[in-house]
Amino acid sequence: MMRSLLTTACLLALPFLAAAQSGSLDKIFILGTEEQRYEQLTSSYSQSLLEASAGDITKAFEGWLDMQQAMDSYANSQNFDLNGVRLWLHVFWAENGQIDQVGFLLRPDSRLVDEGEIKVLLAGFVEQYRLPIQSSKKFNHYTGAAFPTLSQRRGN
């Protein structure tokens, strides 16, 4: 009986072990790690957010701003203070606007926060957010982000 339970547990774990060994990046990762796999990711998501927005810079900016505002709101709902946090973000979206992966790096001018806590926050965020832009191809955007978002600063 014990042997069959152990065998079953091992069989259930095989897909997870295979994924861990397949070389896929974590859904949330720190930029500058695993460069070869990161390069493969950037080539798989070769279309930019601007291209996914049909060249409409206002639509692309508003989409990005929507995501940043949603991050602010999500952080507040998790009692996580993002004020003063500055990041480099590289976001990779599926065609339907669902976030597939996020690379981040704390900028030198950021308020000091634990990278592990940022990873957990972003992991929760990507599970519940969808960008209001869709495309026929996967797309990405790389830029700096500062919190609170610009629209919140103007409102204060």
C-alpha atoms as a PDB file:
ATOM      1  CA  MET A   1       0.000   0.000   0.000  1.00  0.00           C
ATOM      2  CA  MET A   2       2.760   2.450   0.982  1.00  0.00           C
ATOM      3  CA  ARG A   3       4.737   1.568  -2.146  1.00  0.00           C
ATOM      4  CA  SER A   4       1.752   2.272  -4.417  1.00  0.00           C
ATOM      5  CA  LEU A   5       1.164   5.642  -2.735  1.00  0.00           C
ATOM      6  CA  LEU A   6       4.814   6.541  -3.231  1.00  0.00           C
ATOM      7  CA  THR A   7       4.706   5.423  -6.859  1.00  0.00           C
ATOM      8  CA  THR A   8       1.539   7.450  -7.462  1.00  0.00           C
ATOM      9  CA  ALA A   9       3.089  10.527  -5.846  1.00  0.00           C
ATOM     10  CA  CYS A  10       6.182  10.181  -8.042  1.00  0.00           C
ATOM     11  CA  LEU A  11       4.068   9.834 -11.186  1.00  0.00           C
ATOM     12  CA  LEU A  12       2.051  12.925 -10.276  1.00  0.00           C
ATOM     13  CA  ALA A  13       5.247  14.911  -9.740  1.00  0.00           C
ATOM     14  CA  LEU A  14       6.813  13.974 -13.097  1.00  0.00           C
ATOM     15  CA  PRO A  15       5.146  16.745 -15.148  1.00  0.00           C
ATOM     16  CA  PHE A  16       6.352  19.361 -12.652  1.00  0.00           C
ATOM     17  CA  LEU A  17       9.882  17.975 -12.636  1.00  0.00           C
ATOM     18  CA  ALA A  18       9.926  17.885 -16.435  1.00  0.00           C
ATOM     19  CA  ALA A  19       8.817  21.524 -16.609  1.00  0.00           C
ATOM     20  CA  ALA A  20      11.484  22.536 -14.120  1.00  0.00           C
ATOM     21  CA  GLN A  21      14.153  20.769 -16.180  1.00  0.00           C
ATOM     22  CA  SER A  22      12.848  21.907 -19.586  1.00  0.00           C
ATOM     23  CA  GLY A  23      14.503  25.310 -19.247  1.00  0.00           C
ATOM     24  CA  SER A  24      11.390  27.451 -19.014  1.00  0.00           C
ATOM     25  CA  LEU A  25      11.734  30.671 -17.078  1.00  0.00           C
ATOM     26  CA  ASP A  26       9.652  31.197 -13.980  1.00  0.00           C
ATOM     27  CA  LYS A  27       6.520  33.218 -14.752  1.00  0.00           C
ATOM     28  CA  ILE A  28       8.107  36.068 -12.751  1.00  0.00           C
ATOM     29  CA  PHE A  29      11.881  36.370 -13.018  1.00  0.00           C
ATOM     30  CA  ILE A  30      14.656  38.831 -12.307  1.00  0.00           C
ATOM     31  CA  LEU A  31      16.150  40.405 -15.423  1.00  0.00           C
ATOM     32  CA  GLY A  32      19.780  39.487 -15.931  1.00  0.00           C
ATOM     33  CA  THR A  33      19.331  35.858 -14.922  1.00  0.00           C
ATOM     34  CA  GLU A  34      19.109  32.943 -17.338  1.00  0.00           C
ATOM     35  CA  GLU A  35      20.128  35.081 -20.308  1.00  0.00           C
ATOM     36  CA  GLN A  36      19.973  32.353 -22.967  1.00  0.00           C
ATOM     37  CA  ARG A  37      16.402  31.443 -22.119  1.00  0.00           C
ATOM     38  CA  TYR A  38      15.511  35.139 -21.840  1.00  0.00           C
ATOM     39  CA  GLU A  39      16.798  35.661 -25.391  1.00  0.00           C
ATOM     40  CA  GLN A  40      14.556  32.816 -26.598  1.00  0.00           C
ATOM     41  CA  LEU A  41      11.605  34.405 -24.826  1.00  0.00           C
ATOM     42  CA  THR A  42      12.211  37.803 -26.431  1.00  0.00           C
ATOM     43  CA  SER A  43      12.392  36.235 -29.891  1.00  0.00           C
ATOM     44  CA  SER A  44       9.145  34.290 -29.298  1.00  0.00           C
ATOM     45  CA  TYR A  45       7.349  37.526 -28.350  1.00  0.00           C
ATOM     46  CA  SER A  46       8.849  39.628 -31.128  1.00  0.00           C
ATOM     47  CA  GLN A  47       5.913  42.001 -31.626  1.00  0.00           C
ATOM     48  CA  SER A  48       5.971  45.188 -29.537  1.00  0.00           C
ATOM     49  CA  LEU A  49       3.078  46.618 -27.534  1.00  0.00           C
ATOM     50  CA  LEU A  50       2.982  49.491 -30.034  1.00  0.00           C
ATOM     51  CA  GLU A  51       2.672  47.051 -32.952  1.00  0.00           C
ATOM     52  CA  ALA A  52      -0.057  45.149 -31.074  1.00  0.00           C
ATOM     53  CA  SER A  53      -1.830  48.522 -30.740  1.00  0.00           C
ATOM     54  CA  ALA A  54      -1.791  48.951 -34.558  1.00  0.00           C
ATOM     55  CA  GLY A  55       0.815  51.725 -34.254  1.00  0.00           C
ATOM     56  CA  ASP A  56      -1.494  53.847 -32.090  1.00  0.00           C
ATOM     57  CA  ILE A  57       0.845  55.288 -29.466  1.00  0.00           C
ATOM     58  CA  THR A  58      -2.050  56.639 -27.387  1.00  0.00           C
ATOM     59  CA  LYS A  59      -3.691  53.202 -27.249  1.00  0.00           C
ATOM     60  CA  ALA A  60      -0.368  51.570 -26.306  1.00  0.00           C
ATOM     61  CA  PHE A  61       0.317  54.158 -23.590  1.00  0.00           C
ATOM     62  CA  GLU A  62      -3.204  53.911 -22.182  1.00  0.00           C
ATOM     63  CA  GLY A  63      -2.919  50.113 -22.122  1.00  0.00           C
ATOM     64  CA  TRP A  64       0.366  50.315 -20.230  1.00  0.00           C
ATOM     65  CA  LEU A  65      -1.060  52.929 -17.863  1.00  0.00           C
ATOM     66  CA  ASP A  66      -4.084  50.700 -17.250  1.00  0.00           C
ATOM     67  CA  MET A  67      -1.750  47.874 -16.251  1.00  0.00           C
ATOM     68  CA  GLN A  68       0.296  50.079 -13.919  1.00  0.00           C
ATOM     69  CA  GLN A  69      -2.851  51.422 -12.256  1.00  0.00           C
ATOM     70  CA  ALA A  70      -4.101  47.849 -11.856  1.00  0.00           C
ATOM     71  CA  MET A  71      -0.749  46.941 -10.247  1.00  0.00           C
ATOM     72  CA  ASP A  72      -1.161  49.847  -7.821  1.00  0.00           C
ATOM     73  CA  SER A  73      -4.676  48.713  -6.956  1.00  0.00           C
ATOM     74  CA  TYR A  74      -3.651  45.086  -6.581  1.00  0.00           C
ATOM     75  CA  ALA A  75      -0.730  46.043  -4.323  1.00  0.00           C
ATOM     76  CA  ASN A  76      -3.087  48.113  -2.157  1.00  0.00           C
ATOM     77  CA  SER A  77      -5.500  45.164  -1.910  1.00  0.00           C
ATOM     78  CA  GLN A  78      -2.583  43.037  -0.691  1.00  0.00           C
ATOM     79  CA  ASN A  79      -1.426  45.709   1.795  1.00  0.00           C
ATOM     80  CA  PHE A  80       1.825  46.099  -0.133  1.00  0.00           C
ATOM     81  CA  ASP A  81       3.230  49.630  -0.347  1.00  0.00           C
ATOM     82  CA  LEU A  82       4.556  50.249  -3.882  1.00  0.00           C
ATOM     83  CA  ASN A  83       5.108  53.989  -3.340  1.00  0.00           C
ATOM     84  CA  GLY A  84       8.682  54.855  -4.249  1.00  0.00           C
ATOM     85  CA  VAL A  85       9.321  51.532  -5.995  1.00  0.00           C
ATOM     86  CA  ARG A  86      10.962  51.884  -9.392  1.00  0.00           C
ATOM     87  CA  LEU A  87      11.458  48.893 -11.653  1.00  0.00           C
ATOM     88  CA  TRP A  88      12.619  47.893 -15.073  1.00  0.00           C
ATOM     89  CA  LEU A  89       9.780  45.731 -16.388  1.00  0.00           C
ATOM     90  CA  HIS A  90       9.702  43.441 -19.403  1.00  0.00           C
ATOM     91  CA  VAL A  91       6.183  42.087 -19.844  1.00  0.00           C
ATOM     92  CA  PHE A  92       5.257  39.287 -22.257  1.00  0.00           C
ATOM     93  CA  TRP A  93       1.600  38.917 -23.283  1.00  0.00           C
ATOM     94  CA  ALA A  94      -0.350  36.187 -25.042  1.00  0.00           C
ATOM     95  CA  GLU A  95      -2.494  37.242 -27.987  1.00  0.00           C
ATOM     96  CA  ASN A  96      -5.539  37.694 -25.722  1.00  0.00           C
ATOM     97  CA  GLY A  97      -3.763  40.166 -23.402  1.00  0.00           C
ATOM     98  CA  GLN A  98      -3.090  37.637 -20.636  1.00  0.00           C
ATOM     99  CA  ILE A  99       0.365  38.119 -19.102  1.00  0.00           C
ATOM    100  CA  ASP A 100       2.528  35.073 -19.753  1.00  0.00           C
ATOM    101  CA  GLN A 101       5.725  36.244 -18.071  1.00  0.00           C
ATOM    102  CA  VAL A 102       7.262  39.291 -16.395  1.00  0.00           C
ATOM    103  CA  GLY A 103      10.922  40.093 -15.990  1.00  0.00           C
ATOM    104  CA  PHE A 104      11.808  42.815 -13.511  1.00  0.00           C
ATOM    105  CA  LEU A 105      14.790  44.496 -11.925  1.00  0.00           C
ATOM    106  CA  LEU A 106      14.774  47.072  -9.152  1.00  0.00           C
ATOM    107  CA  ARG A 107      16.220  50.326 -10.417  1.00  0.00           C
ATOM    108  CA  PRO A 108      19.051  51.973  -8.432  1.00  0.00           C
ATOM    109  CA  ASP A 109      16.753  54.927  -7.617  1.00  0.00           C
ATOM    110  CA  SER A 110      14.068  52.644  -6.137  1.00  0.00           C
ATOM    111  CA  ARG A 111      12.984  52.499  -2.544  1.00  0.00           C
ATOM    112  CA  LEU A 112      14.512  49.389  -1.040  1.00  0.00           C
ATOM    113  CA  VAL A 113      12.115  46.426  -1.169  1.00  0.00           C
ATOM    114  CA  ASP A 114      12.675  42.700  -1.031  1.00  0.00           C
ATOM    115  CA  GLU A 115      12.873  41.147  -4.534  1.00  0.00           C
ATOM    116  CA  GLY A 116      11.176  38.005  -3.257  1.00  0.00           C
ATOM    117  CA  GLU A 117       8.188  40.046  -2.091  1.00  0.00           C
ATOM    118  CA  ILE A 118       7.981  41.783  -5.486  1.00  0.00           C
ATOM    119  CA  LYS A 119       8.029  38.357  -7.186  1.00  0.00           C
ATOM    120  CA  VAL A 120       5.132  37.155  -5.029  1.00  0.00           C
ATOM    121  CA  LEU A 121       3.184  40.369  -5.640  1.00  0.00           C
ATOM    122  CA  LEU A 122       3.691  40.182  -9.424  1.00  0.00           C
ATOM    123  CA  ALA A 123       2.818  36.472  -9.491  1.00  0.00           C
ATOM    124  CA  GLY A 124      -0.527  37.204  -7.854  1.00  0.00           C
ATOM    125  CA  PHE A 125      -1.128  40.177 -10.118  1.00  0.00           C
ATOM    126  CA  VAL A 126      -0.561  38.324 -13.406  1.00  0.00           C
ATOM    127  CA  GLU A 127      -3.039  35.634 -12.399  1.00  0.00           C
ATOM    128  CA  GLN A 128      -5.917  38.110 -12.241  1.00  0.00           C
ATOM    129  CA  TYR A 129      -5.068  40.799 -14.839  1.00  0.00           C
ATOM    130  CA  ARG A 130      -5.651  40.958 -18.574  1.00  0.00           C
ATOM    131  CA  LEU A 131      -4.424  43.874 -20.727  1.00  0.00           C
ATOM    132  CA  PRO A 132      -7.250  45.518 -22.697  1.00  0.00           C
ATOM    133  CA  ILE A 133      -5.251  45.053 -25.926  1.00  0.00           C
ATOM    134  CA  GLN A 134      -5.358  41.956 -28.099  1.00  0.00           C
ATOM    135  CA  SER A 135      -3.300  40.972 -31.099  1.00  0.00           C
ATOM    136  CA  SER A 136      -2.899  38.185 -33.632  1.00  0.00           C
ATOM    137  CA  LYS A 137       0.605  37.529 -32.266  1.00  0.00           C
ATOM    138  CA  LYS A 138       2.276  37.400 -28.853  1.00  0.00           C
ATOM    139  CA  PHE A 139       3.746  40.755 -27.840  1.00  0.00           C
ATOM    140  CA  ASN A 140       5.988  42.410 -25.274  1.00  0.00           C
ATOM    141  CA  HIS A 141       7.027  45.726 -23.779  1.00  0.00           C
ATOM    142  CA  TYR A 142      10.169  46.744 -21.898  1.00  0.00           C
ATOM    143  CA  THR A 143      10.318  49.984 -19.942  1.00  0.00           C
ATOM    144  CA  GLY A 144      10.802  51.559 -16.565  1.00  0.00           C
ATOM    145  CA  ALA A 145       7.914  51.833 -14.143  1.00  0.00           C
ATOM    146  CA  ALA A 146       7.617  54.083 -11.110  1.00  0.00           C
ATOM    147  CA  PHE A 147       4.947  53.890  -8.441  1.00  0.00           C
ATOM    148  CA  PRO A 148       2.567  55.464  -7.786  1.00  0.00           C
ATOM    149  CA  THR A 149       1.569  55.788 -11.426  1.00  0.00           C
ATOM    150  CA  LEU A 150       1.593  59.129 -13.215  1.00  0.00           C
ATOM    151  CA  SER A 151      -2.182  59.498 -13.192  1.00  0.00           C
ATOM    152  CA  GLN A 152      -2.239  59.044  -9.422  1.00  0.00           C
ATOM    153  CA  ARG A 153       0.474  61.655  -8.945  1.00  0.00           C
ATOM    154  CA  ARG A 154      -1.520  64.214 -10.940  1.00  0.00           C
ATOM    155  CA  GLY A 155      -4.645  63.475  -8.921  1.00  0.00           C
ATOM    156  CA  ASN A 156      -2.933  64.207  -5.606  1.00  0.00           C
END
